[in-house]
Amino acid sequence: MEPLLLLKAAMLGVVEGLTEFLPISSTGHLIWASALLSTDPVKSPVFDIAIQTGAVLAILWNYRRRCCEVLVGFASSRRHRMFVATVVLAFLPAAVVGAVAGAFIKAALFKPVPVALALIAGGVAIVWVERRPRRMTVPTADALSPRDALTVGCVQCLALIPGTSRSAATILGGLLLGLSRPAATEFSFFLAVPTLLGAGAFELYSDWRLLSAADVGWFAVGGITAFASALVCIRWLLRFVATHNFVPFAWYRIVVGSIVLVVAAVWPSP
């Protein structure tokens, strides 16, 4: 296994882990990082499955006690059943839209300039939501109603546009519906589990022929580094949202998106 390939896999795993759950677009950062690192575009779709799986495992590990409680008490506890139902309901809209329009979106929008524009637009949206007066009516993720869960799921469909950010869409949607900041963030984490696993399963079904035994090493490195960095990010973000808003992420998005647009104007791709 080439050391350079393992290094690239580790770097992409860290990018995925640090950006998947922050409202700054993991897809956009992976597109730029892959371009800078000159990774294999043919293998990228299946490699992304490995690092997204690592990120999902970080959620399950961080919330392992709660996941066990839900599994054990699912049959006897209405609260646990309702929580699972809200996550499933929120997952369905993006699953349907992704299956129908995913190929078109990937062909038309997975490019640096559209990603930069979405990044800037998302930053402006974060500033608008944070400045908008709102009343907190849903203190915990468990208290989310099925209708509100479905609404968050519809908002998550915006994240199919690369650069939008799944985390930004779901967290902002939750805030607009009256969720507390920690509740919106936590629900976004749990919604990531079926969303990322579902997207990965669909991608694997489409591209499984690209896999080979020679890929195990660098896929494993990417998955492990994604798990470790995502776990750090999840725990940090839960502490951060307890005392801060998301405006710093908005300005980060606007600045980075603007830089990409300037670079694209000065050095247009052939």
Protein backbone atom coordinates (compact mmCIF):
# COMPACT_ATOMS: atom_id res chain seq x y z
CA MET A 1 0.00 0.00 0.00
CA GLU A 2 1.45 3.37 -1.01
CA PRO A 3 2.16 5.64 2.00
CA LEU A 4 0.98 8.67 0.01
CA LEU A 5 -2.38 7.02 -0.65
CA LEU A 6 -2.78 6.20 3.04
CA LEU A 7 -1.93 9.81 3.93
CA LYS A 8 -4.54 11.13 1.50
CA ALA A 9 -7.11 8.72 2.92
CA ALA A 10 -6.34 9.87 6.46
CA MET A 11 -6.60 13.54 5.47
CA LEU A 12 -9.96 13.01 3.75
CA GLY A 13 -11.19 11.04 6.75
CA VAL A 14 -10.33 13.94 9.03
CA VAL A 15 -12.07 16.40 6.69
CA GLU A 16 -15.21 14.23 6.70
CA GLY A 17 -15.19 13.76 10.46
CA LEU A 18 -14.69 17.44 11.25
CA THR A 19 -17.19 18.81 8.74
CA GLU A 20 -20.04 16.25 8.63
CA PHE A 21 -21.72 17.52 11.79
CA LEU A 22 -20.75 21.18 11.64
CA PRO A 23 -23.02 23.46 9.57
CA ILE A 24 -20.31 24.08 6.98
CA SER A 25 -20.90 21.33 4.35
CA SER A 26 -18.83 18.16 4.44
CA THR A 27 -19.59 17.51 0.76
CA GLY A 28 -18.18 20.88 -0.28
CA HIS A 29 -15.03 20.42 1.76
CA LEU A 30 -14.54 16.89 0.43
CA ILE A 31 -14.92 18.09 -3.16
CA TRP A 32 -12.26 20.76 -2.62
CA ALA A 33 -9.97 18.47 -0.62
CA SER A 34 -10.23 15.71 -3.22
CA ALA A 35 -9.39 18.20 -5.97
CA LEU A 36 -6.37 19.51 -4.04
CA LEU A 37 -5.14 16.01 -3.24
CA SER A 38 -5.79 14.72 -6.79
CA THR A 39 -7.62 11.63 -5.57
CA ASP A 40 -8.97 8.93 -7.86
CA PRO A 41 -12.36 10.23 -9.09
CA VAL A 42 -13.48 6.69 -9.97
CA LYS A 43 -12.93 5.36 -6.45
CA SER A 44 -14.18 8.47 -4.65
CA PRO A 45 -17.87 7.43 -4.42
CA VAL A 46 -17.10 4.15 -2.65
CA PHE A 47 -14.37 5.71 -0.52
CA ASP A 48 -16.92 8.27 0.67
CA ILE A 49 -19.03 5.37 1.95
CA ALA A 50 -16.16 4.25 4.17
CA ILE A 51 -15.56 7.66 5.74
CA GLN A 52 -19.28 8.39 6.15
CA THR A 53 -19.64 5.05 7.91
CA GLY A 54 -16.85 6.07 10.26
CA ALA A 55 -18.73 9.30 11.04
CA VAL A 56 -21.97 7.39 11.70
CA LEU A 57 -20.18 5.01 14.05
CA ALA A 58 -18.95 8.04 16.00
CA ILE A 59 -22.59 9.06 16.62
CA LEU A 60 -23.55 5.56 17.71
CA TRP A 61 -20.57 5.37 20.02
CA ASN A 62 -21.18 8.78 21.57
CA TYR A 63 -24.85 7.93 22.17
CA ARG A 64 -24.32 4.22 22.80
CA ARG A 65 -26.14 4.25 26.15
CA ARG A 66 -29.17 5.99 24.71
CA CYS A 67 -29.20 3.73 21.65
CA CYS A 68 -29.19 0.67 23.91
CA GLU A 69 -32.04 2.13 25.96
CA VAL A 70 -34.10 2.70 22.82
CA LEU A 71 -33.44 -0.80 21.51
CA VAL A 72 -34.18 -2.51 24.82
CA GLY A 73 -37.23 -0.41 25.60
CA PHE A 74 -38.65 -0.07 22.09
CA ALA A 75 -41.42 -2.64 22.62
CA SER A 76 -42.51 -1.35 26.01
CA SER A 77 -41.89 2.40 25.84
CA ARG A 78 -44.08 4.70 23.75
CA ARG A 79 -41.49 7.48 24.16
CA HIS A 80 -38.79 5.35 22.53
CA ARG A 81 -41.12 4.28 19.72
CA MET A 82 -42.11 7.88 19.02
CA PHE A 83 -38.47 8.97 18.92
CA VAL A 84 -37.61 6.28 16.38
CA ALA A 85 -40.71 7.22 14.38
CA THR A 86 -39.70 10.89 14.23
CA VAL A 87 -36.21 10.00 12.98
CA VAL A 88 -37.65 7.70 10.30
CA LEU A 89 -40.20 10.32 9.23
CA ALA A 90 -37.50 12.97 8.96
CA PHE A 91 -35.35 10.62 6.87
CA LEU A 92 -37.99 9.77 4.25
CA PRO A 93 -38.20 13.05 2.23
CA ALA A 94 -34.48 13.17 1.43
CA ALA A 95 -34.49 9.45 0.65
CA VAL A 96 -37.23 9.92 -1.95
CA VAL A 97 -35.81 13.08 -3.51
CA GLY A 98 -32.29 11.66 -3.50
CA ALA A 99 -33.40 8.51 -5.29
CA VAL A 100 -35.27 10.51 -7.93
CA ALA A 101 -32.92 13.44 -8.51
CA GLY A 102 -29.60 12.37 -7.01
CA ALA A 103 -27.90 11.52 -10.31
CA PHE A 104 -28.89 14.84 -11.90
CA ILE A 105 -27.73 16.83 -8.85
CA LYS A 106 -24.40 15.02 -8.78
CA ALA A 107 -23.77 15.63 -12.49
CA ALA A 108 -24.84 19.28 -12.49
CA LEU A 109 -23.82 20.67 -9.11
CA PHE A 110 -20.83 18.73 -7.75
CA LYS A 111 -18.42 21.44 -8.90
CA PRO A 112 -16.48 24.10 -6.96
CA VAL A 113 -18.47 27.17 -8.05
CA PRO A 114 -21.99 25.81 -7.32
CA VAL A 115 -20.70 24.52 -3.98
CA ALA A 116 -19.23 27.95 -3.15
CA LEU A 117 -22.51 29.69 -4.01
CA ALA A 118 -24.46 27.26 -1.81
CA LEU A 119 -21.95 27.79 0.98
CA ILE A 120 -22.44 31.57 0.86
CA ALA A 121 -26.24 31.28 0.62
CA GLY A 122 -26.26 28.95 3.63
CA GLY A 123 -24.13 31.38 5.60
CA VAL A 124 -26.60 34.19 4.91
CA ALA A 125 -29.46 31.87 5.97
CA ILE A 126 -27.73 31.10 9.28
CA VAL A 127 -27.31 34.81 10.05
CA TRP A 128 -30.98 35.43 9.20
CA VAL A 129 -32.24 32.59 11.41
CA GLU A 130 -30.01 33.60 14.32
CA ARG A 131 -31.20 37.22 14.18
CA ARG A 132 -34.85 36.26 13.81
CA PRO A 133 -36.83 36.32 17.07
CA ARG A 134 -38.18 32.90 17.97
CA ARG A 135 -39.72 31.08 20.91
CA MET A 136 -38.35 27.79 22.19
CA THR A 137 -41.23 25.31 22.47
CA VAL A 138 -39.43 21.96 22.09
CA PRO A 139 -36.78 21.56 24.83
CA THR A 140 -35.51 18.08 23.89
CA ALA A 141 -35.21 15.94 20.78
CA ASP A 142 -37.62 13.43 22.35
CA ALA A 143 -40.37 16.06 22.37
CA LEU A 144 -40.37 16.64 18.61
CA SER A 145 -43.77 15.94 17.06
CA PRO A 146 -44.15 13.74 13.94
CA ARG A 147 -45.30 16.75 11.91
CA ASP A 148 -42.28 18.81 12.93
CA ALA A 149 -40.00 15.85 12.25
CA LEU A 150 -41.40 15.57 8.74
CA THR A 151 -40.84 19.31 8.28
CA VAL A 152 -37.20 18.97 9.33
CA GLY A 153 -36.92 16.10 6.87
CA CYS A 154 -38.27 18.27 4.05
CA VAL A 155 -35.74 20.96 4.92
CA GLN A 156 -33.01 18.31 4.86
CA CYS A 157 -33.75 17.86 1.14
CA LEU A 158 -31.99 21.19 0.56
CA ALA A 159 -28.79 19.48 1.67
CA LEU A 160 -28.85 17.38 -1.51
CA ILE A 161 -27.44 20.54 -3.10
CA PRO A 162 -23.70 20.24 -2.39
CA GLY A 163 -22.44 23.06 -0.23
CA THR A 164 -25.72 23.52 1.62
CA SER A 165 -24.80 21.23 4.55
CA ARG A 166 -27.10 18.58 5.94
CA SER A 167 -26.30 19.69 9.48
CA ALA A 168 -27.04 23.34 8.70
CA ALA A 169 -30.35 22.52 7.02
CA THR A 170 -31.62 20.24 9.80
CA ILE A 171 -30.40 22.39 12.70
CA LEU A 172 -31.79 25.61 11.22
CA GLY A 173 -35.05 23.84 10.42
CA GLY A 174 -35.26 22.67 14.01
CA LEU A 175 -34.56 26.14 15.38
CA LEU A 176 -37.29 27.67 13.21
CA LEU A 177 -39.74 25.06 14.55
CA GLY A 178 -38.97 26.02 18.14
CA LEU A 179 -36.41 23.39 19.13
CA SER A 180 -33.79 24.43 21.62
CA ARG A 181 -30.29 24.69 20.19
CA PRO A 182 -29.08 21.48 21.91
CA ALA A 183 -32.25 19.61 20.84
CA ALA A 184 -31.93 20.71 17.21
CA THR A 185 -28.26 19.70 17.18
CA GLU A 186 -28.92 16.34 18.81
CA PHE A 187 -31.79 15.51 16.47
CA SER A 188 -29.55 16.40 13.53
CA PHE A 189 -27.01 13.87 14.83
CA PHE A 190 -29.56 11.07 15.07
CA LEU A 191 -31.05 11.91 11.68
CA ALA A 192 -27.57 11.56 10.20
CA VAL A 193 -27.56 7.83 11.01
CA PRO A 194 -30.26 6.64 8.55
CA THR A 195 -29.44 9.45 6.09
CA LEU A 196 -25.74 8.65 5.75
CA LEU A 197 -26.23 4.88 5.95
CA GLY A 198 -29.03 5.05 3.38
CA ALA A 199 -26.98 7.20 1.01
CA GLY A 200 -24.03 4.88 1.48
CA ALA A 201 -26.09 1.77 0.80
CA PHE A 202 -27.50 3.32 -2.36
CA GLU A 203 -24.02 4.33 -3.54
CA LEU A 204 -22.65 0.88 -2.73
CA TYR A 205 -25.46 -0.77 -4.69
CA SER A 206 -24.64 1.44 -7.67
CA ASP A 207 -20.83 1.20 -7.53
CA TRP A 208 -19.96 -2.05 -5.75
CA ARG A 209 -18.08 -3.25 -8.86
CA LEU A 210 -15.47 -0.57 -8.16
CA LEU A 211 -14.44 -2.31 -4.93
CA SER A 212 -11.42 -4.57 -4.74
CA ALA A 213 -9.37 -6.26 -2.03
CA ALA A 214 -6.57 -3.76 -2.65
CA ASP A 215 -8.81 -0.96 -1.35
CA VAL A 216 -9.23 -2.37 2.16
CA GLY A 217 -6.18 -0.64 3.63
CA TRP A 218 -6.81 2.93 2.59
CA PHE A 219 -10.57 2.61 3.08
CA ALA A 220 -9.93 1.44 6.65
CA VAL A 221 -7.55 4.34 7.31
CA GLY A 222 -10.14 6.80 6.02
CA GLY A 223 -12.92 5.25 8.09
CA ILE A 224 -10.88 5.17 11.30
CA THR A 225 -9.70 8.78 11.00
CA ALA A 226 -13.27 9.87 10.16
CA PHE A 227 -14.54 8.07 13.28
CA ALA A 228 -11.94 9.65 15.56
CA SER A 229 -12.29 13.19 14.22
CA ALA A 230 -16.11 12.98 14.12
CA LEU A 231 -16.20 11.85 17.75
CA VAL A 232 -14.10 14.83 18.77
CA CYS A 233 -16.29 17.15 16.70
CA ILE A 234 -19.58 15.82 18.10
CA ARG A 235 -18.49 16.24 21.69
CA TRP A 236 -17.07 19.70 21.04
CA LEU A 237 -20.20 20.88 19.21
CA LEU A 238 -22.51 19.73 22.01
CA ARG A 239 -20.49 21.87 24.44
CA PHE A 240 -20.32 24.78 21.99
CA VAL A 241 -24.06 25.05 21.34
CA ALA A 242 -24.79 25.24 25.05
CA THR A 243 -23.38 28.78 25.16
CA HIS A 244 -22.97 29.96 21.55
CA ASN A 245 -24.98 30.53 18.40
CA PHE A 246 -24.05 29.44 14.85
CA VAL A 247 -23.08 32.85 13.46
CA PRO A 248 -19.31 32.08 13.48
CA PHE A 249 -20.01 29.18 11.12
CA ALA A 250 -22.02 31.53 8.90
CA TRP A 251 -19.08 33.90 8.47
CA TYR A 252 -16.74 30.98 7.89
CA ARG A 253 -19.02 29.78 5.08
CA ILE A 254 -19.27 33.22 3.51
CA VAL A 255 -15.50 33.83 3.63
CA VAL A 256 -14.54 30.38 2.30
CA GLY A 257 -17.20 30.47 -0.42
CA SER A 258 -16.04 33.93 -1.52
CA ILE A 259 -12.41 32.76 -1.68
CA VAL A 260 -13.39 29.81 -3.87
CA LEU A 261 -15.31 32.11 -6.23
CA VAL A 262 -12.31 34.45 -6.51
CA VAL A 263 -9.95 31.54 -7.16
CA ALA A 264 -12.33 30.10 -9.76
CA ALA A 265 -12.48 33.49 -11.51
CA VAL A 266 -8.71 33.94 -11.55
CA TRP A 267 -7.86 30.34 -12.40
CA PRO A 268 -10.85 28.91 -14.25
CA SER A 269 -10.82 25.16 -14.67
CA PRO A 270 -10.15 23.93 -18.23
